[in-house]
Amino acid sequence: MATTEACRDKPYDPNHPFNIFITLTPSDTETDTVLVDVYDYDSKVAITLTMKKETDGNFKLYGWNNILEGRKFKTGDRIGFWWDTQFARLNFTLLLVA
């Protein structure tokens, strides 16, 4: 059976053989994304998604597919969104089942 080294909180060791180095690029540090709490009004569940402004000027919610899969929405369903200023979140509800 293979053994592994316990990963305890230790100071960084520059000579450790399992170090992973990443050089950040401008796309890593310069972003127009924001975290948005999205609240499913029907199931009373909130999830935090990333909202990003696309090159065409529209906004896209990254992670929305997880909500779609969980709720089993289908083509033709109509969903309504509204900003909830009291709780600083984006709410949604199913308006029409296809």
C-alpha atoms as a PDB file:
ATOM      1  CA  MET A   1       0.000   0.000   0.000  1.00  0.00           C
ATOM      2  CA  ALA A   2       1.320   3.447  -0.892  1.00  0.00           C
ATOM      3  CA  THR A   3       2.107   5.904   1.842  1.00  0.00           C
ATOM      4  CA  THR A   4       1.713   9.638   1.644  1.00  0.00           C
ATOM      5  CA  GLU A   5       3.283  12.445   3.585  1.00  0.00           C
ATOM      6  CA  ALA A   6       0.880  14.152   5.964  1.00  0.00           C
ATOM      7  CA  CYS A   7       0.161  17.674   4.795  1.00  0.00           C
ATOM      8  CA  ARG A   8       0.312  19.725   7.961  1.00  0.00           C
ATOM      9  CA  ASP A   9       0.483  23.487   8.174  1.00  0.00           C
ATOM     10  CA  LYS A  10       4.167  24.166   7.588  1.00  0.00           C
ATOM     11  CA  PRO A  11       6.117  27.128   6.344  1.00  0.00           C
ATOM     12  CA  TYR A  12       6.796  27.154   2.626  1.00  0.00           C
ATOM     13  CA  ASP A  13       9.828  25.051   1.733  1.00  0.00           C
ATOM     14  CA  PRO A  14      11.342  26.199  -1.583  1.00  0.00           C
ATOM     15  CA  ASN A  15      13.174  22.878  -1.969  1.00  0.00           C
ATOM     16  CA  HIS A  16      10.209  20.541  -1.503  1.00  0.00           C
ATOM     17  CA  PRO A  17       9.887  18.287  -4.578  1.00  0.00           C
ATOM     18  CA  PHE A  18       6.088  18.627  -4.792  1.00  0.00           C
ATOM     19  CA  ASN A  19       5.953  22.414  -5.072  1.00  0.00           C
ATOM     20  CA  ILE A  20       3.725  23.819  -7.788  1.00  0.00           C
ATOM     21  CA  PHE A  21       4.665  27.183  -9.242  1.00  0.00           C
ATOM     22  CA  ILE A  22       2.230  29.400 -11.111  1.00  0.00           C
ATOM     23  CA  THR A  23       3.070  32.684 -12.787  1.00  0.00           C
ATOM     24  CA  LEU A  24      -0.019  34.884 -12.892  1.00  0.00           C
ATOM     25  CA  THR A  25      -0.923  36.459 -16.213  1.00  0.00           C
ATOM     26  CA  PRO A  26      -2.885  39.674 -16.792  1.00  0.00           C
ATOM     27  CA  SER A  27      -6.029  37.611 -17.395  1.00  0.00           C
ATOM     28  CA  ASP A  28      -5.606  36.166 -13.880  1.00  0.00           C
ATOM     29  CA  THR A  29      -5.323  39.533 -12.162  1.00  0.00           C
ATOM     30  CA  GLU A  30      -7.312  41.927 -14.354  1.00  0.00           C
ATOM     31  CA  THR A  31     -10.897  40.808 -14.452  1.00  0.00           C
ATOM     32  CA  ASP A  32     -14.350  42.267 -14.776  1.00  0.00           C
ATOM     33  CA  THR A  33     -16.022  39.510 -12.782  1.00  0.00           C
ATOM     34  CA  VAL A  34     -18.020  39.795  -9.596  1.00  0.00           C
ATOM     35  CA  LEU A  35     -19.423  37.200  -7.194  1.00  0.00           C
ATOM     36  CA  VAL A  36     -23.224  37.262  -7.071  1.00  0.00           C
ATOM     37  CA  ASP A  37     -25.514  35.453  -4.660  1.00  0.00           C
ATOM     38  CA  VAL A  38     -28.310  33.830  -6.671  1.00  0.00           C
ATOM     39  CA  TYR A  39     -31.425  32.784  -4.750  1.00  0.00           C
ATOM     40  CA  ASP A  40     -33.895  30.184  -5.988  1.00  0.00           C
ATOM     41  CA  TYR A  41     -37.165  31.631  -4.704  1.00  0.00           C
ATOM     42  CA  ASP A  42     -39.007  28.326  -5.158  1.00  0.00           C
ATOM     43  CA  SER A  43     -36.610  25.994  -3.340  1.00  0.00           C
ATOM     44  CA  LYS A  44     -35.298  28.677  -0.948  1.00  0.00           C
ATOM     45  CA  VAL A  45     -31.666  27.837  -1.805  1.00  0.00           C
ATOM     46  CA  ALA A  46     -28.910  30.376  -2.438  1.00  0.00           C
ATOM     47  CA  ILE A  47     -25.693  29.778  -4.358  1.00  0.00           C
ATOM     48  CA  THR A  48     -22.827  32.122  -5.169  1.00  0.00           C
ATOM     49  CA  LEU A  49     -21.992  32.364  -8.866  1.00  0.00           C
ATOM     50  CA  THR A  50     -19.522  34.406 -10.871  1.00  0.00           C
ATOM     51  CA  MET A  51     -20.985  37.079 -13.134  1.00  0.00           C
ATOM     52  CA  LYS A  52     -18.795  38.339 -15.962  1.00  0.00           C
ATOM     53  CA  LYS A  53     -19.296  41.003 -18.581  1.00  0.00           C
ATOM     54  CA  GLU A  54     -18.712  39.439 -21.988  1.00  0.00           C
ATOM     55  CA  THR A  55     -17.078  41.151 -24.976  1.00  0.00           C
ATOM     56  CA  ASP A  56     -20.517  41.756 -26.534  1.00  0.00           C
ATOM     57  CA  GLY A  57     -21.567  43.775 -23.449  1.00  0.00           C
ATOM     58  CA  ASN A  58     -23.935  41.146 -22.047  1.00  0.00           C
ATOM     59  CA  PHE A  59     -23.432  39.525 -18.653  1.00  0.00           C
ATOM     60  CA  LYS A  60     -23.068  35.782 -18.091  1.00  0.00           C
ATOM     61  CA  LEU A  61     -23.529  33.768 -14.891  1.00  0.00           C
ATOM     62  CA  TYR A  62     -20.834  31.105 -14.623  1.00  0.00           C
ATOM     63  CA  GLY A  63     -22.116  28.050 -12.753  1.00  0.00           C
ATOM     64  CA  TRP A  64     -25.726  28.571 -13.857  1.00  0.00           C
ATOM     65  CA  ASN A  65     -25.651  25.105 -15.453  1.00  0.00           C
ATOM     66  CA  ASN A  66     -25.432  23.597 -11.944  1.00  0.00           C
ATOM     67  CA  ILE A  67     -28.738  25.241 -11.060  1.00  0.00           C
ATOM     68  CA  LEU A  68     -30.316  24.109 -14.337  1.00  0.00           C
ATOM     69  CA  GLU A  69     -29.295  20.506 -13.716  1.00  0.00           C
ATOM     70  CA  GLY A  70     -30.456  20.562 -10.098  1.00  0.00           C
ATOM     71  CA  ARG A  71     -33.892  21.984 -10.903  1.00  0.00           C
ATOM     72  CA  LYS A  72     -34.412  19.888 -14.056  1.00  0.00           C
ATOM     73  CA  PHE A  73     -35.475  22.898 -16.133  1.00  0.00           C
ATOM     74  CA  LYS A  74     -36.211  22.130 -19.763  1.00  0.00           C
ATOM     75  CA  THR A  75     -36.308  23.967 -23.061  1.00  0.00           C
ATOM     76  CA  GLY A  76     -39.225  26.375 -23.163  1.00  0.00           C
ATOM     77  CA  ASP A  77     -39.458  26.953 -19.400  1.00  0.00           C
ATOM     78  CA  ARG A  78     -39.640  30.656 -18.550  1.00  0.00           C
ATOM     79  CA  ILE A  79     -37.624  31.994 -15.628  1.00  0.00           C
ATOM     80  CA  GLY A  80     -37.940  35.445 -14.077  1.00  0.00           C
ATOM     81  CA  PHE A  81     -35.037  37.284 -12.399  1.00  0.00           C
ATOM     82  CA  TRP A  82     -35.045  40.317 -10.108  1.00  0.00           C
ATOM     83  CA  TRP A  83     -32.517  42.080  -7.908  1.00  0.00           C
ATOM     84  CA  ASP A  84     -33.290  41.844  -4.212  1.00  0.00           C
ATOM     85  CA  THR A  85     -31.816  45.024  -2.744  1.00  0.00           C
ATOM     86  CA  GLN A  86     -32.696  44.034   0.826  1.00  0.00           C
ATOM     87  CA  PHE A  87     -30.466  40.942   0.706  1.00  0.00           C
ATOM     88  CA  ALA A  88     -28.110  42.089  -2.110  1.00  0.00           C
ATOM     89  CA  ARG A  89     -28.770  39.069  -4.311  1.00  0.00           C
ATOM     90  CA  LEU A  90     -30.259  38.044  -7.640  1.00  0.00           C
ATOM     91  CA  ASN A  91     -33.508  36.114  -7.160  1.00  0.00           C
ATOM     92  CA  PHE A  92     -35.151  33.869  -9.719  1.00  0.00           C
ATOM     93  CA  THR A  93     -38.329  31.831  -9.985  1.00  0.00           C
ATOM     94  CA  LEU A  94     -39.936  29.526 -12.525  1.00  0.00           C
ATOM     95  CA  LEU A  95     -42.716  31.499 -14.216  1.00  0.00           C
ATOM     96  CA  LEU A  96     -43.932  29.076 -16.879  1.00  0.00           C
ATOM     97  CA  VAL A  97     -43.431  25.342 -17.375  1.00  0.00           C
ATOM     98  CA  ALA A  98     -43.079  24.333 -21.019  1.00  0.00           C
END
